[in-house]
Amino acid sequence: MQRVAGDLAGAKATAEEMLENLDALSSHPPDKVVFAAALSQLYAAKGEKDPALNAAEQAIAALPNAKEGVTEPSLEQNLALIQTIFGENSRAISILTHLLQTSYW
């Protein structure tokens, strides 16, 4: 919210505070996927494009082989958000177009 309000320095400082704890949590099941997605948003708040995109993509890849009906689309939506933050709109639109045709249940 700080970033949306235009407080980029505040958003970066808040993200930095949260990063260490969340990074440690993101490596432990069963919540690994959820924490990896949150980690991607923290990196985005700090303006770190590559780590943000990598964490968002890793969250999707970390799902079990039998992908979950609600979780996978949510993680794809998160990836699209991160892509949008960094101006990769065409990639985000591709994901969102796919999600519009996907049942979450």
N, C-alpha and C. Protein backbone atom coordinates (compact mmCIF):
# COMPACT_ATOMS: atom_id res chain seq x y z
N MET A 1 0.83 -1.19 0.00
CA MET A 1 0.00 0.00 0.00
C MET A 1 0.87 1.25 0.00
N GLN A 2 2.02 1.16 0.65
CA GLN A 2 2.91 2.32 0.64
C GLN A 2 3.35 2.65 -0.79
N ARG A 3 3.64 1.63 -1.56
CA ARG A 3 4.07 1.84 -2.95
C ARG A 3 2.95 2.48 -3.76
N VAL A 4 1.73 1.99 -3.59
CA VAL A 4 0.58 2.54 -4.31
C VAL A 4 0.36 4.00 -3.92
N ALA A 5 0.61 4.32 -2.66
CA ALA A 5 0.44 5.69 -2.18
C ALA A 5 1.59 6.61 -2.60
N GLY A 6 2.59 6.03 -3.28
CA GLY A 6 3.70 6.83 -3.75
C GLY A 6 4.89 6.90 -2.80
N ASP A 7 4.81 6.18 -1.68
CA ASP A 7 5.90 6.16 -0.70
C ASP A 7 6.84 5.01 -1.03
N LEU A 8 7.64 5.19 -2.08
CA LEU A 8 8.53 4.12 -2.54
C LEU A 8 9.61 3.80 -1.51
N ALA A 9 10.13 4.80 -0.85
CA ALA A 9 11.16 4.57 0.16
C ALA A 9 10.58 3.79 1.34
N GLY A 10 9.39 4.18 1.76
CA GLY A 10 8.74 3.46 2.86
C GLY A 10 8.41 2.03 2.50
N ALA A 11 7.95 1.82 1.26
CA ALA A 11 7.63 0.46 0.80
C ALA A 11 8.88 -0.40 0.77
N LYS A 12 9.97 0.17 0.32
CA LYS A 12 11.23 -0.57 0.27
C LYS A 12 11.71 -0.92 1.67
N ALA A 13 11.61 0.01 2.60
CA ALA A 13 12.04 -0.24 3.98
C ALA A 13 11.18 -1.31 4.65
N THR A 14 9.89 -1.25 4.45
CA THR A 14 8.99 -2.25 5.02
C THR A 14 9.27 -3.63 4.43
N ALA A 15 9.48 -3.68 3.12
CA ALA A 15 9.78 -4.95 2.47
C ALA A 15 11.08 -5.53 2.98
N GLU A 16 12.07 -4.69 3.18
CA GLU A 16 13.37 -5.15 3.68
C GLU A 16 13.23 -5.77 5.07
N GLU A 17 12.41 -5.16 5.92
CA GLU A 17 12.18 -5.69 7.26
C GLU A 17 11.55 -7.08 7.22
N MET A 18 10.62 -7.26 6.31
CA MET A 18 9.88 -8.51 6.22
C MET A 18 10.65 -9.60 5.48
N LEU A 19 11.58 -9.22 4.65
CA LEU A 19 12.24 -10.14 3.74
C LEU A 19 12.97 -11.29 4.43
N GLU A 20 13.75 -11.00 5.45
CA GLU A 20 14.52 -12.06 6.12
C GLU A 20 13.62 -13.14 6.69
N ASN A 21 12.60 -12.74 7.42
CA ASN A 21 11.70 -13.72 8.03
C ASN A 21 10.95 -14.53 6.99
N LEU A 22 10.45 -13.86 5.99
CA LEU A 22 9.67 -14.55 4.97
C LEU A 22 10.54 -15.46 4.13
N ASP A 23 11.75 -15.05 3.86
CA ASP A 23 12.68 -15.88 3.08
C ASP A 23 12.92 -17.21 3.80
N ALA A 24 13.10 -17.17 5.10
CA ALA A 24 13.31 -18.39 5.87
C ALA A 24 12.06 -19.27 5.84
N LEU A 25 10.90 -18.67 5.97
CA LEU A 25 9.65 -19.44 5.98
C LEU A 25 9.34 -20.05 4.61
N SER A 26 9.79 -19.41 3.54
CA SER A 26 9.43 -19.87 2.20
C SER A 26 10.13 -21.17 1.80
N SER A 27 11.06 -21.62 2.60
CA SER A 27 11.75 -22.86 2.26
C SER A 27 11.21 -24.07 2.99
N HIS A 28 10.18 -23.90 3.80
CA HIS A 28 9.64 -25.00 4.59
C HIS A 28 8.21 -25.34 4.21
N PRO A 29 7.95 -26.62 3.86
CA PRO A 29 6.57 -27.05 3.62
C PRO A 29 5.80 -26.94 4.92
N PRO A 30 4.49 -26.91 4.99
CA PRO A 30 3.59 -27.05 3.84
C PRO A 30 3.22 -25.72 3.21
N ASP A 31 3.67 -24.63 3.79
CA ASP A 31 3.26 -23.31 3.29
C ASP A 31 4.28 -22.69 2.34
N LYS A 32 5.18 -23.50 1.82
CA LYS A 32 6.25 -23.01 0.96
C LYS A 32 5.71 -22.17 -0.20
N VAL A 33 4.65 -22.65 -0.82
CA VAL A 33 4.08 -21.98 -1.99
C VAL A 33 3.54 -20.60 -1.62
N VAL A 34 2.82 -20.53 -0.53
CA VAL A 34 2.21 -19.27 -0.10
C VAL A 34 3.29 -18.25 0.25
N PHE A 35 4.31 -18.69 0.97
CA PHE A 35 5.37 -17.78 1.36
C PHE A 35 6.20 -17.35 0.16
N ALA A 36 6.40 -18.24 -0.81
CA ALA A 36 7.16 -17.86 -2.01
C ALA A 36 6.41 -16.78 -2.79
N ALA A 37 5.10 -16.89 -2.86
CA ALA A 37 4.31 -15.87 -3.54
C ALA A 37 4.41 -14.53 -2.81
N ALA A 38 4.33 -14.57 -1.49
CA ALA A 38 4.46 -13.34 -0.71
C ALA A 38 5.86 -12.75 -0.86
N LEU A 39 6.85 -13.63 -0.93
CA LEU A 39 8.22 -13.20 -1.12
C LEU A 39 8.37 -12.45 -2.45
N SER A 40 7.69 -12.93 -3.47
CA SER A 40 7.75 -12.26 -4.77
C SER A 40 7.22 -10.83 -4.67
N GLN A 41 6.19 -10.64 -3.87
CA GLN A 41 5.63 -9.31 -3.71
C GLN A 41 6.55 -8.39 -2.91
N LEU A 42 7.28 -8.97 -1.95
CA LEU A 42 8.24 -8.16 -1.21
C LEU A 42 9.38 -7.70 -2.11
N TYR A 43 9.88 -8.61 -2.93
CA TYR A 43 10.93 -8.22 -3.88
C TYR A 43 10.42 -7.14 -4.83
N ALA A 44 9.18 -7.28 -5.26
CA ALA A 44 8.60 -6.26 -6.15
C ALA A 44 8.51 -4.92 -5.44
N ALA A 45 8.13 -4.93 -4.17
CA ALA A 45 8.05 -3.68 -3.40
C ALA A 45 9.41 -3.02 -3.27
N LYS A 46 10.45 -3.83 -3.27
CA LYS A 46 11.81 -3.29 -3.20
C LYS A 46 12.33 -2.87 -4.57
N GLY A 47 11.56 -3.20 -5.62
CA GLY A 47 11.98 -2.84 -6.96
C GLY A 47 12.97 -3.83 -7.57
N GLU A 48 13.04 -5.04 -7.02
CA GLU A 48 13.98 -6.05 -7.49
C GLU A 48 13.26 -7.00 -8.45
N LYS A 49 13.34 -6.69 -9.71
CA LYS A 49 12.58 -7.38 -10.75
C LYS A 49 12.90 -8.88 -10.83
N ASP A 50 14.16 -9.23 -11.05
CA ASP A 50 14.50 -10.63 -11.26
C ASP A 50 14.15 -11.52 -10.07
N PRO A 51 14.52 -11.14 -8.83
CA PRO A 51 14.12 -11.97 -7.70
C PRO A 51 12.59 -12.07 -7.54
N ALA A 52 11.89 -10.99 -7.85
CA ALA A 52 10.42 -11.00 -7.73
C ALA A 52 9.81 -11.98 -8.73
N LEU A 53 10.24 -11.89 -9.99
CA LEU A 53 9.72 -12.81 -11.00
C LEU A 53 10.12 -14.25 -10.71
N ASN A 54 11.36 -14.46 -10.27
CA ASN A 54 11.80 -15.82 -9.95
C ASN A 54 10.99 -16.42 -8.81
N ALA A 55 10.74 -15.65 -7.76
CA ALA A 55 9.96 -16.16 -6.63
C ALA A 55 8.53 -16.48 -7.05
N ALA A 56 7.93 -15.64 -7.88
CA ALA A 56 6.57 -15.90 -8.35
C ALA A 56 6.52 -17.17 -9.20
N GLU A 57 7.51 -17.34 -10.05
CA GLU A 57 7.56 -18.54 -10.89
C GLU A 57 7.86 -19.79 -10.07
N GLN A 58 8.72 -19.66 -9.05
CA GLN A 58 9.03 -20.79 -8.18
C GLN A 58 7.82 -21.22 -7.36
N ALA A 59 6.98 -20.27 -7.00
CA ALA A 59 5.77 -20.61 -6.25
C ALA A 59 4.87 -21.51 -7.09
N ILE A 60 4.75 -21.19 -8.37
CA ILE A 60 3.93 -22.02 -9.27
C ILE A 60 4.58 -23.39 -9.44
N ALA A 61 5.88 -23.41 -9.63
CA ALA A 61 6.60 -24.67 -9.85
C ALA A 61 6.60 -25.56 -8.62
N ALA A 62 6.45 -24.97 -7.44
CA ALA A 62 6.50 -25.74 -6.19
C ALA A 62 5.21 -26.50 -5.88
N LEU A 63 4.16 -26.25 -6.65
CA LEU A 63 2.92 -26.98 -6.42
C LEU A 63 3.12 -28.46 -6.71
N PRO A 64 2.41 -29.32 -5.99
CA PRO A 64 2.50 -30.75 -6.28
C PRO A 64 2.07 -31.04 -7.72
N ASN A 65 2.44 -32.20 -8.21
CA ASN A 65 2.10 -32.57 -9.59
C ASN A 65 0.61 -32.48 -9.85
N ALA A 66 -0.20 -32.90 -8.90
CA ALA A 66 -1.65 -32.76 -9.04
C ALA A 66 -1.98 -31.33 -8.62
N LYS A 67 -1.87 -30.41 -9.55
CA LYS A 67 -2.05 -28.99 -9.25
C LYS A 67 -3.42 -28.73 -8.62
N GLU A 68 -3.42 -27.85 -7.66
CA GLU A 68 -4.64 -27.53 -6.95
C GLU A 68 -5.50 -26.56 -7.76
N GLY A 69 -6.82 -26.80 -7.74
CA GLY A 69 -7.74 -26.03 -8.55
C GLY A 69 -7.80 -24.55 -8.22
N VAL A 70 -7.60 -24.19 -6.96
CA VAL A 70 -7.68 -22.79 -6.56
C VAL A 70 -6.29 -22.18 -6.46
N THR A 71 -5.35 -22.92 -5.94
CA THR A 71 -4.02 -22.38 -5.68
C THR A 71 -3.27 -22.01 -6.95
N GLU A 72 -3.27 -22.88 -7.93
CA GLU A 72 -2.50 -22.60 -9.15
C GLU A 72 -2.96 -21.31 -9.84
N PRO A 73 -4.26 -21.13 -10.08
CA PRO A 73 -4.67 -19.86 -10.70
C PRO A 73 -4.31 -18.64 -9.86
N SER A 74 -4.39 -18.78 -8.54
CA SER A 74 -4.03 -17.65 -7.67
C SER A 74 -2.55 -17.30 -7.81
N LEU A 75 -1.72 -18.34 -7.94
CA LEU A 75 -0.29 -18.09 -8.10
C LEU A 75 0.02 -17.52 -9.47
N GLU A 76 -0.72 -17.95 -10.48
CA GLU A 76 -0.56 -17.38 -11.81
C GLU A 76 -0.99 -15.91 -11.82
N GLN A 77 -2.04 -15.62 -11.10
CA GLN A 77 -2.50 -14.23 -10.97
C GLN A 77 -1.42 -13.40 -10.27
N ASN A 78 -0.78 -13.96 -9.27
CA ASN A 78 0.32 -13.27 -8.59
C ASN A 78 1.45 -12.98 -9.57
N LEU A 79 1.81 -13.96 -10.41
CA LEU A 79 2.86 -13.75 -11.40
C LEU A 79 2.48 -12.62 -12.35
N ALA A 80 1.23 -12.60 -12.78
CA ALA A 80 0.77 -11.52 -13.66
C ALA A 80 0.88 -10.16 -12.97
N LEU A 81 0.57 -10.11 -11.69
CA LEU A 81 0.70 -8.87 -10.93
C LEU A 81 2.15 -8.40 -10.92
N ILE A 82 3.06 -9.32 -10.64
CA ILE A 82 4.48 -8.97 -10.59
C ILE A 82 4.95 -8.49 -11.97
N GLN A 83 4.52 -9.19 -13.01
CA GLN A 83 4.89 -8.77 -14.37
C GLN A 83 4.37 -7.37 -14.66
N THR A 84 3.17 -7.08 -14.25
CA THR A 84 2.58 -5.76 -14.47
C THR A 84 3.36 -4.67 -13.73
N ILE A 85 3.76 -4.96 -12.51
CA ILE A 85 4.52 -3.99 -11.73
C ILE A 85 5.79 -3.58 -12.47
N PHE A 86 6.39 -4.54 -13.17
CA PHE A 86 7.64 -4.26 -13.87
C PHE A 86 7.46 -3.99 -15.36
N GLY A 87 6.22 -3.70 -15.76
CA GLY A 87 5.96 -3.26 -17.12
C GLY A 87 5.93 -4.36 -18.17
N GLU A 88 5.87 -5.60 -17.74
CA GLU A 88 5.79 -6.72 -18.68
C GLU A 88 4.32 -7.03 -18.95
N ASN A 89 3.62 -6.04 -19.48
CA ASN A 89 2.17 -6.13 -19.62
C ASN A 89 1.71 -7.21 -20.59
N SER A 90 2.43 -7.41 -21.68
CA SER A 90 1.98 -8.42 -22.64
C SER A 90 2.05 -9.81 -22.04
N ARG A 91 3.08 -10.08 -21.24
CA ARG A 91 3.16 -11.38 -20.56
C ARG A 91 2.03 -11.52 -19.55
N ALA A 92 1.74 -10.46 -18.82
CA ALA A 92 0.67 -10.49 -17.83
C ALA A 92 -0.69 -10.69 -18.50
N ILE A 93 -0.91 -10.02 -19.62
CA ILE A 93 -2.18 -10.15 -20.34
C ILE A 93 -2.37 -11.58 -20.82
N SER A 94 -1.30 -12.21 -21.26
CA SER A 94 -1.38 -13.61 -21.70
C SER A 94 -1.84 -14.51 -20.56
N ILE A 95 -1.27 -14.33 -19.38
CA ILE A 95 -1.67 -15.12 -18.22
C ILE A 95 -3.10 -14.83 -17.83
N LEU A 96 -3.45 -13.55 -17.78
CA LEU A 96 -4.81 -13.18 -17.36
C LEU A 96 -5.86 -13.65 -18.36
N THR A 97 -5.53 -13.65 -19.65
CA THR A 97 -6.45 -14.17 -20.66
C THR A 97 -6.71 -15.65 -20.42
N HIS A 98 -5.66 -16.36 -20.14
CA HIS A 98 -5.78 -17.80 -19.81
C HIS A 98 -6.64 -17.99 -18.56
N LEU A 99 -6.42 -17.16 -17.55
CA LEU A 99 -7.15 -17.30 -16.28
C LEU A 99 -8.64 -16.99 -16.45
N LEU A 100 -8.97 -16.10 -17.37
CA LEU A 100 -10.37 -15.79 -17.62
C LEU A 100 -11.13 -17.01 -18.13
N GLN A 101 -10.42 -17.94 -18.72
CA GLN A 101 -11.03 -19.15 -19.25
C GLN A 101 -10.86 -20.35 -18.31
N THR A 102 -10.34 -20.11 -17.11
CA THR A 102 -10.05 -21.18 -16.16
C THR A 102 -11.04 -21.16 -15.02
N SER A 103 -11.56 -22.33 -14.70
CA SER A 103 -12.43 -22.46 -13.54
C SER A 103 -11.57 -22.62 -12.29
N TYR A 104 -11.82 -21.83 -11.27
CA TYR A 104 -11.07 -21.92 -10.04
C TYR A 104 -11.58 -23.04 -9.15
N TRP A 105 -12.63 -23.71 -9.54
CA TRP A 105 -13.18 -24.77 -8.70
C TRP A 105 -13.19 -26.02 -9.45
